[in-house]
Amino acid sequence: MKKVRCPKCGEMTAFDETLYPKGRVLVFSCPHCQKSFRIRLMEQAKDETPVMATLTVVENVFHERQVIPLYVGENIIGRYVKGTHANASFRTVDPSVDTTHCMVTVKKDKQGKWHFVLRDAPSNTGTIYQNEMLGVNDRVEMEDDTIITIGATTLLVHISET
């Protein structure tokens, strides 16, 4: 299943991409605002950057499950609003999550080992990693199956086998 975001209101619409051939143009009508928009199904580029890790969003509201992919380089995590600068944003009703809340830098060292470094943006409510509040200048290396809390929202860390 793939999801597309309405260009007018930002609502997500899910569809099964396996039912359509690559290169086909699909027309959607947003169930929320009735805006019609098109997308073209493209084949994945061979040089596309692989997903190195994911953050699963957990909150106590009736949102669909959201998974935030993390790529090599700097991933800016925050609440999705139209025109956000966060490249790893998610939809939430939690007002304590900033639009640019924290950052995860994914990089490889000289020995070929991957590092996932978390830091606060800085945000208004802070970033918590494994029950420890990060200071403005703190950097922490994330591990698989650990917990990040931003505002009142919890994110579960899943690092890909690399």
Protein backbone atom coordinates (compact mmCIF):
# COMPACT_ATOMS: atom_id res chain seq x y z
CA MET A 1 0.00 0.00 0.00
CA LYS A 2 1.19 3.49 -0.87
CA LYS A 3 -0.04 6.80 0.46
CA VAL A 4 -0.33 10.11 -1.34
CA ARG A 5 -0.84 13.51 0.27
CA CYS A 6 -3.49 15.89 -1.08
CA PRO A 7 -1.71 19.03 -2.39
CA LYS A 8 -4.54 21.26 -1.12
CA CYS A 9 -5.34 20.07 2.43
CA GLY A 10 -2.50 17.61 3.18
CA GLU A 11 -4.76 14.63 3.98
CA MET A 12 -3.36 11.18 3.18
CA THR A 13 -5.06 8.74 0.78
CA ALA A 14 -3.96 5.09 0.58
CA PHE A 15 -4.06 2.90 -2.53
CA ASP A 16 -2.67 -0.44 -3.69
CA GLU A 17 0.05 0.38 -6.24
CA THR A 18 0.41 -3.27 -7.28
CA LEU A 19 -2.93 -3.05 -9.14
CA TYR A 20 -1.50 -0.59 -11.70
CA PRO A 21 1.40 -0.79 -14.18
CA LYS A 22 4.47 1.44 -13.71
CA GLY A 23 4.28 4.70 -15.67
CA ARG A 24 0.49 4.93 -15.40
CA VAL A 25 -1.13 8.21 -14.36
CA LEU A 26 -3.69 7.90 -11.56
CA VAL A 27 -6.30 10.53 -10.70
CA PHE A 28 -7.41 10.89 -7.07
CA SER A 29 -10.21 12.87 -5.48
CA CYS A 30 -9.44 13.86 -1.89
CA PRO A 31 -12.14 12.52 0.45
CA HIS A 32 -11.60 15.49 2.76
CA CYS A 33 -11.63 18.56 0.46
CA GLN A 34 -12.78 17.01 -2.88
CA LYS A 35 -9.69 18.34 -4.75
CA SER A 36 -8.70 16.21 -7.77
CA PHE A 37 -5.00 15.57 -8.35
CA ARG A 38 -2.80 13.24 -10.41
CA ILE A 39 0.24 11.12 -9.74
CA ARG A 40 2.41 9.02 -12.04
CA LEU A 41 3.59 5.63 -10.77
CA MET A 42 7.35 5.57 -11.26
CA GLU A 43 9.79 2.71 -10.89
CA GLN A 44 12.19 3.08 -7.99
CA ALA A 45 15.42 4.64 -9.16
CA LYS A 46 18.46 2.37 -8.92
CA ASP A 47 20.53 5.04 -7.18
CA GLU A 48 17.79 6.02 -4.71
CA THR A 49 19.01 6.30 -1.13
CA PRO A 50 17.90 3.31 0.97
CA VAL A 51 15.97 3.72 4.20
CA MET A 52 18.50 3.28 7.01
CA ALA A 53 16.07 3.30 9.95
CA THR A 54 12.47 4.12 10.83
CA LEU A 55 10.63 5.83 13.65
CA THR A 56 7.15 4.51 14.45
CA VAL A 57 4.83 7.20 15.84
CA VAL A 58 2.83 6.16 18.92
CA GLU A 59 0.25 8.50 20.41
CA ASN A 60 -3.07 8.20 22.22
CA VAL A 61 -5.33 9.49 19.46
CA PHE A 62 -7.08 7.90 16.53
CA HIS A 63 -4.44 8.45 13.86
CA GLU A 64 -3.36 5.79 11.42
CA ARG A 65 -0.01 4.16 12.10
CA GLN A 66 2.77 6.36 10.83
CA VAL A 67 6.31 5.28 10.06
CA ILE A 68 8.96 7.94 9.43
CA PRO A 69 11.83 6.77 7.20
CA LEU A 70 15.33 7.98 8.07
CA TYR A 71 17.88 8.41 5.28
CA VAL A 72 21.62 9.06 5.15
CA GLY A 73 22.30 12.66 6.18
CA GLU A 74 20.29 14.96 8.43
CA ASN A 75 16.65 14.03 9.11
CA ILE A 76 14.63 16.89 10.63
CA ILE A 77 11.76 15.47 12.69
CA GLY A 78 8.65 17.46 13.56
CA ARG A 79 4.93 18.02 13.25
CA TYR A 80 3.62 18.20 9.68
CA VAL A 81 2.19 21.51 8.57
CA LYS A 82 1.92 22.72 5.01
CA GLY A 83 5.26 24.21 3.97
CA THR A 84 7.25 22.63 6.81
CA HIS A 85 11.04 22.45 6.60
CA ALA A 86 11.07 19.08 8.38
CA ASN A 87 11.98 16.34 5.91
CA ALA A 88 10.82 13.64 8.38
CA SER A 89 7.49 15.11 9.48
CA PHE A 90 4.37 13.34 10.71
CA ARG A 91 0.72 14.23 11.30
CA THR A 92 -0.26 14.76 14.92
CA VAL A 93 -2.77 16.67 17.03
CA ASP A 94 -0.16 17.00 19.80
CA PRO A 95 0.46 20.77 20.11
CA SER A 96 3.63 20.14 22.15
CA VAL A 97 5.45 18.74 19.07
CA ASP A 98 7.26 21.54 17.25
CA THR A 99 7.40 21.71 13.46
CA THR A 100 11.18 21.32 13.79
CA HIS A 101 11.54 19.35 17.03
CA CYS A 102 14.70 17.23 16.79
CA MET A 103 17.22 15.89 14.29
CA VAL A 104 18.71 12.49 13.54
CA THR A 105 21.96 12.42 11.58
CA VAL A 106 22.72 9.12 9.82
CA LYS A 107 26.35 8.68 8.77
CA LYS A 108 29.03 6.04 8.25
CA ASP A 109 32.42 6.20 9.97
CA LYS A 110 35.80 5.31 8.41
CA GLN A 111 35.46 1.69 9.57
CA GLY A 112 32.12 1.36 7.74
CA LYS A 113 29.91 1.37 10.85
CA TRP A 114 26.63 3.32 10.70
CA HIS A 115 25.83 5.88 13.40
CA PHE A 116 22.41 7.36 14.21
CA VAL A 117 22.91 10.56 16.25
CA LEU A 118 19.94 12.32 17.90
CA ARG A 119 19.88 15.94 19.04
CA ASP A 120 17.23 18.47 20.05
CA ALA A 121 16.47 21.21 17.48
CA PRO A 122 16.08 23.04 20.08
CA SER A 123 12.39 22.61 20.73
CA ASN A 124 9.99 24.22 23.19
CA THR A 125 9.29 21.02 25.16
CA GLY A 126 12.57 19.17 24.69
CA THR A 127 13.56 15.76 23.36
CA ILE A 128 13.78 12.73 25.63
CA TYR A 129 15.82 9.63 24.74
CA GLN A 130 15.34 6.57 26.96
CA ASN A 131 13.93 8.72 29.81
CA GLU A 132 16.85 11.22 29.67
CA MET A 133 16.16 14.81 28.63
CA LEU A 134 18.65 16.03 26.03
CA GLY A 135 20.25 19.40 26.58
CA VAL A 136 20.66 21.90 23.75
CA ASN A 137 24.23 20.73 23.01
CA ASP A 138 23.71 17.02 23.81
CA ARG A 139 24.17 14.37 21.14
CA VAL A 140 23.24 10.73 21.75
CA GLU A 141 23.83 7.70 19.54
CA MET A 142 20.55 5.85 19.08
CA GLU A 143 20.25 2.08 19.26
CA ASP A 144 17.65 -0.29 17.83
CA ASP A 145 14.36 -0.74 19.75
CA THR A 146 14.78 2.37 21.89
CA ILE A 147 12.29 5.14 22.66
CA ILE A 148 12.27 8.86 21.85
CA THR A 149 9.66 11.19 23.37
CA ILE A 150 8.94 14.55 21.78
CA GLY A 151 6.19 16.56 23.43
CA ALA A 152 3.56 14.00 24.46
CA THR A 153 4.32 11.73 21.48
CA THR A 154 6.46 8.59 21.60
CA LEU A 155 8.60 7.38 18.70
CA LEU A 156 9.99 3.83 18.52
CA VAL A 157 13.42 3.46 16.87
CA HIS A 158 13.93 0.62 14.36
CA ILE A 159 17.40 0.52 12.80
CA SER A 160 17.74 -1.47 9.57
CA GLU A 161 20.29 -4.26 9.32
CA THR A 162 23.14 -2.66 7.38
